[in-house]
Amino acid sequence: KVQVSIENDSKSEASYNTFDWKLQDSAGVIKDVDSVAFGVDGALSSGQLSPGGKVSGFLVFQAPLNDTGLTLRYNPSFWSDKKVEIKI
């Protein structure tokens, strides 16, 4: 379970979606958000952010126990190669 925050610092609306996030384990396996995430209180959903808008919520993934090489991956658009990778 990971809490993320997104802030739109552009001058136009921006969309966000739970499915923009993935988790990579130390073996290089990349996983989507687990379906259990949608039942978690405070789960990140999807929507639009106006300029200056902020949203936060939880994501849930399945990962090997005690894996110290996890990377949270954010790709905000299917049509873009821009992405953010965060070691966790």
N, C-alpha and C. Protein backbone atom coordinates (compact mmCIF):
# COMPACT_ATOMS: atom_id res chain seq x y z
N LYS A 1 0.86 -1.17 0.00
CA LYS A 1 0.00 0.00 0.00
C LYS A 1 0.90 1.22 0.00
N VAL A 2 0.68 2.10 -0.97
CA VAL A 2 1.48 3.31 -1.14
C VAL A 2 0.54 4.50 -1.27
N GLN A 3 0.85 5.58 -0.56
CA GLN A 3 0.06 6.80 -0.73
C GLN A 3 0.81 7.71 -1.69
N VAL A 4 0.07 8.23 -2.68
CA VAL A 4 0.66 9.15 -3.65
C VAL A 4 -0.13 10.46 -3.64
N SER A 5 0.55 11.52 -4.05
CA SER A 5 -0.08 12.83 -4.19
C SER A 5 0.27 13.37 -5.57
N ILE A 6 -0.72 13.98 -6.22
CA ILE A 6 -0.53 14.55 -7.54
C ILE A 6 -0.96 16.00 -7.49
N GLU A 7 -0.14 16.89 -8.05
CA GLU A 7 -0.47 18.31 -8.12
C GLU A 7 -0.32 18.77 -9.56
N ASN A 8 -1.33 19.46 -10.05
CA ASN A 8 -1.30 20.00 -11.41
C ASN A 8 -0.70 21.40 -11.37
N ASP A 9 0.56 21.52 -11.79
CA ASP A 9 1.19 22.84 -11.80
C ASP A 9 1.22 23.45 -13.20
N SER A 10 0.37 22.93 -14.09
CA SER A 10 0.27 23.49 -15.44
C SER A 10 -0.84 24.54 -15.49
N LYS A 11 -1.05 25.12 -16.66
CA LYS A 11 -2.09 26.14 -16.83
C LYS A 11 -3.35 25.57 -17.46
N SER A 12 -3.41 24.25 -17.61
CA SER A 12 -4.61 23.62 -18.17
C SER A 12 -4.99 22.41 -17.33
N GLU A 13 -6.21 21.91 -17.54
CA GLU A 13 -6.66 20.74 -16.81
C GLU A 13 -5.78 19.54 -17.12
N ALA A 14 -5.66 18.66 -16.15
CA ALA A 14 -4.88 17.43 -16.34
C ALA A 14 -5.67 16.27 -15.77
N SER A 15 -5.63 15.16 -16.46
CA SER A 15 -6.33 13.97 -15.95
C SER A 15 -5.38 13.13 -15.11
N TYR A 16 -5.95 12.32 -14.22
CA TYR A 16 -5.19 11.36 -13.43
C TYR A 16 -6.00 10.08 -13.35
N ASN A 17 -5.30 8.96 -13.16
CA ASN A 17 -5.98 7.68 -13.16
C ASN A 17 -5.15 6.67 -12.37
N THR A 18 -5.81 5.82 -11.64
CA THR A 18 -5.15 4.75 -10.90
C THR A 18 -4.27 3.91 -11.82
N PHE A 19 -4.73 3.68 -13.04
CA PHE A 19 -4.02 2.81 -13.97
C PHE A 19 -2.78 3.45 -14.59
N ASP A 20 -2.49 4.71 -14.23
CA ASP A 20 -1.25 5.37 -14.65
C ASP A 20 -0.05 4.86 -13.84
N TRP A 21 -0.31 4.08 -12.79
CA TRP A 21 0.72 3.64 -11.85
C TRP A 21 0.99 2.15 -11.97
N LYS A 22 2.27 1.78 -11.83
CA LYS A 22 2.68 0.37 -11.85
C LYS A 22 3.80 0.20 -10.81
N LEU A 23 4.03 -1.05 -10.44
CA LEU A 23 5.12 -1.36 -9.51
C LEU A 23 6.05 -2.37 -10.15
N GLN A 24 7.34 -2.06 -10.13
CA GLN A 24 8.35 -2.99 -10.65
C GLN A 24 9.11 -3.57 -9.47
N ASP A 25 9.24 -4.92 -9.45
CA ASP A 25 10.00 -5.54 -8.36
C ASP A 25 11.45 -5.73 -8.77
N SER A 26 12.27 -6.26 -7.87
CA SER A 26 13.70 -6.37 -8.14
C SER A 26 14.03 -7.39 -9.23
N ALA A 27 13.07 -8.26 -9.57
CA ALA A 27 13.27 -9.22 -10.66
C ALA A 27 12.88 -8.62 -12.01
N GLY A 28 12.41 -7.37 -12.00
CA GLY A 28 12.01 -6.71 -13.24
C GLY A 28 10.58 -6.95 -13.64
N VAL A 29 9.79 -7.59 -12.76
CA VAL A 29 8.37 -7.84 -13.04
C VAL A 29 7.59 -6.56 -12.76
N ILE A 30 6.79 -6.14 -13.73
CA ILE A 30 6.01 -4.91 -13.61
C ILE A 30 4.54 -5.29 -13.42
N LYS A 31 3.95 -4.79 -12.35
CA LYS A 31 2.58 -5.17 -12.00
C LYS A 31 1.66 -3.96 -11.97
N ASP A 32 0.41 -4.21 -12.34
CA ASP A 32 -0.63 -3.19 -12.25
C ASP A 32 -1.13 -3.10 -10.81
N VAL A 33 -1.89 -2.04 -10.54
CA VAL A 33 -2.54 -1.89 -9.25
C VAL A 33 -3.43 -3.12 -9.02
N ASP A 34 -3.39 -3.67 -7.80
CA ASP A 34 -4.19 -4.83 -7.46
C ASP A 34 -5.67 -4.42 -7.34
N SER A 35 -6.56 -5.31 -7.71
CA SER A 35 -8.00 -5.00 -7.67
C SER A 35 -8.50 -4.71 -6.26
N VAL A 36 -7.81 -5.21 -5.23
CA VAL A 36 -8.20 -4.94 -3.86
C VAL A 36 -8.08 -3.44 -3.54
N ALA A 37 -7.27 -2.72 -4.31
CA ALA A 37 -7.04 -1.29 -4.07
C ALA A 37 -8.34 -0.48 -4.14
N PHE A 38 -9.28 -0.93 -4.95
CA PHE A 38 -10.50 -0.16 -5.14
C PHE A 38 -11.42 -0.21 -3.92
N GLY A 39 -11.18 -1.16 -3.01
CA GLY A 39 -11.97 -1.25 -1.79
C GLY A 39 -11.31 -0.60 -0.59
N VAL A 40 -10.13 -0.05 -0.76
CA VAL A 40 -9.38 0.58 0.33
C VAL A 40 -9.90 1.99 0.57
N ASP A 41 -10.16 2.32 1.84
CA ASP A 41 -10.55 3.69 2.18
C ASP A 41 -9.46 4.65 1.73
N GLY A 42 -9.83 5.69 1.01
CA GLY A 42 -8.88 6.69 0.55
C GLY A 42 -8.13 6.28 -0.70
N ALA A 43 -8.63 5.27 -1.41
CA ALA A 43 -7.95 4.82 -2.63
C ALA A 43 -7.95 5.92 -3.68
N LEU A 44 -6.86 6.00 -4.45
CA LEU A 44 -6.81 6.94 -5.57
C LEU A 44 -7.76 6.45 -6.65
N SER A 45 -8.53 7.34 -7.20
CA SER A 45 -9.45 6.97 -8.28
C SER A 45 -8.97 7.63 -9.57
N SER A 46 -9.88 8.18 -10.31
CA SER A 46 -9.50 8.89 -11.53
C SER A 46 -10.33 10.16 -11.63
N GLY A 47 -9.87 11.10 -12.43
CA GLY A 47 -10.60 12.34 -12.60
C GLY A 47 -9.75 13.41 -13.28
N GLN A 48 -10.17 14.64 -13.11
CA GLN A 48 -9.49 15.80 -13.69
C GLN A 48 -9.02 16.71 -12.57
N LEU A 49 -7.90 17.37 -12.79
CA LEU A 49 -7.41 18.39 -11.87
C LEU A 49 -7.34 19.72 -12.60
N SER A 50 -7.93 20.74 -12.01
CA SER A 50 -7.80 22.07 -12.58
C SER A 50 -6.40 22.59 -12.28
N PRO A 51 -5.97 23.66 -12.96
CA PRO A 51 -4.65 24.22 -12.65
C PRO A 51 -4.51 24.52 -11.16
N GLY A 52 -3.44 24.03 -10.56
CA GLY A 52 -3.23 24.20 -9.12
C GLY A 52 -3.92 23.15 -8.28
N GLY A 53 -4.71 22.27 -8.89
CA GLY A 53 -5.44 21.25 -8.15
C GLY A 53 -4.53 20.16 -7.61
N LYS A 54 -4.97 19.55 -6.51
CA LYS A 54 -4.20 18.49 -5.86
C LYS A 54 -5.12 17.34 -5.49
N VAL A 55 -4.58 16.12 -5.54
CA VAL A 55 -5.32 14.94 -5.11
C VAL A 55 -4.32 13.95 -4.53
N SER A 56 -4.75 13.17 -3.57
CA SER A 56 -3.90 12.10 -3.05
C SER A 56 -4.77 10.88 -2.76
N GLY A 57 -4.13 9.75 -2.69
CA GLY A 57 -4.85 8.51 -2.41
C GLY A 57 -3.89 7.34 -2.35
N PHE A 58 -4.44 6.19 -2.02
CA PHE A 58 -3.65 4.98 -1.86
C PHE A 58 -3.71 4.10 -3.09
N LEU A 59 -2.59 3.42 -3.37
CA LEU A 59 -2.48 2.38 -4.39
C LEU A 59 -2.05 1.11 -3.69
N VAL A 60 -2.53 -0.03 -4.14
CA VAL A 60 -2.15 -1.32 -3.55
C VAL A 60 -1.61 -2.22 -4.65
N PHE A 61 -0.47 -2.84 -4.39
CA PHE A 61 0.17 -3.75 -5.32
C PHE A 61 0.52 -5.06 -4.61
N GLN A 62 0.67 -6.13 -5.36
CA GLN A 62 1.22 -7.39 -4.86
C GLN A 62 2.72 -7.36 -5.14
N ALA A 63 3.53 -7.61 -4.10
CA ALA A 63 4.99 -7.60 -4.27
C ALA A 63 5.59 -8.70 -3.41
N PRO A 64 6.75 -9.22 -3.81
CA PRO A 64 7.42 -10.24 -3.00
C PRO A 64 7.76 -9.69 -1.61
N LEU A 65 7.54 -10.50 -0.60
CA LEU A 65 7.83 -10.11 0.78
C LEU A 65 9.31 -9.76 0.92
N ASN A 66 9.60 -8.67 1.58
CA ASN A 66 10.96 -8.20 1.87
C ASN A 66 11.76 -7.79 0.63
N ASP A 67 11.10 -7.54 -0.48
CA ASP A 67 11.81 -7.09 -1.68
C ASP A 67 12.25 -5.65 -1.46
N THR A 68 13.55 -5.41 -1.51
CA THR A 68 14.09 -4.06 -1.26
C THR A 68 14.38 -3.31 -2.55
N GLY A 69 14.04 -3.89 -3.69
CA GLY A 69 14.32 -3.25 -4.97
C GLY A 69 13.07 -2.84 -5.71
N LEU A 70 12.08 -2.30 -5.00
CA LEU A 70 10.82 -1.91 -5.62
C LEU A 70 10.89 -0.51 -6.21
N THR A 71 10.26 -0.33 -7.36
CA THR A 71 10.20 0.97 -8.02
C THR A 71 8.76 1.26 -8.39
N LEU A 72 8.24 2.38 -7.92
CA LEU A 72 6.92 2.85 -8.30
C LEU A 72 7.07 3.61 -9.60
N ARG A 73 6.27 3.25 -10.60
CA ARG A 73 6.37 3.86 -11.93
C ARG A 73 5.08 4.60 -12.26
N TYR A 74 5.22 5.84 -12.70
CA TYR A 74 4.08 6.68 -13.07
C TYR A 74 4.24 7.13 -14.51
N ASN A 75 3.27 6.79 -15.34
CA ASN A 75 3.24 7.21 -16.73
C ASN A 75 1.89 7.87 -16.96
N PRO A 76 1.83 9.20 -16.93
CA PRO A 76 0.56 9.91 -16.91
C PRO A 76 -0.24 9.86 -18.21
N SER A 77 0.29 9.31 -19.26
CA SER A 77 -0.46 9.27 -20.52
C SER A 77 0.00 8.10 -21.37
N PHE A 78 -0.96 7.37 -21.88
CA PHE A 78 -0.68 6.27 -22.80
C PHE A 78 0.02 6.79 -24.05
N TRP A 79 -0.25 8.03 -24.41
CA TRP A 79 0.25 8.62 -25.65
C TRP A 79 1.59 9.33 -25.48
N SER A 80 2.17 9.26 -24.28
CA SER A 80 3.41 9.96 -24.02
C SER A 80 4.47 9.00 -23.48
N ASP A 81 5.73 9.31 -23.74
CA ASP A 81 6.80 8.49 -23.18
C ASP A 81 7.34 9.10 -21.88
N LYS A 82 6.71 10.16 -21.39
CA LYS A 82 7.13 10.77 -20.13
C LYS A 82 6.73 9.84 -18.99
N LYS A 83 7.64 9.66 -18.03
CA LYS A 83 7.33 8.86 -16.87
C LYS A 83 8.21 9.25 -15.70
N VAL A 84 7.77 8.86 -14.54
CA VAL A 84 8.50 9.11 -13.30
C VAL A 84 8.72 7.76 -12.63
N GLU A 85 9.92 7.52 -12.13
CA GLU A 85 10.22 6.29 -11.41
C GLU A 85 10.73 6.67 -10.02
N ILE A 86 10.15 6.04 -9.00
CA ILE A 86 10.47 6.35 -7.61
C ILE A 86 10.87 5.06 -6.91
N LYS A 87 12.09 5.00 -6.40
CA LYS A 87 12.55 3.84 -5.62
C LYS A 87 11.84 3.86 -4.27
N ILE A 88 11.28 2.72 -3.89
CA ILE A 88 10.62 2.66 -2.58
C ILE A 88 11.14 1.49 -1.76
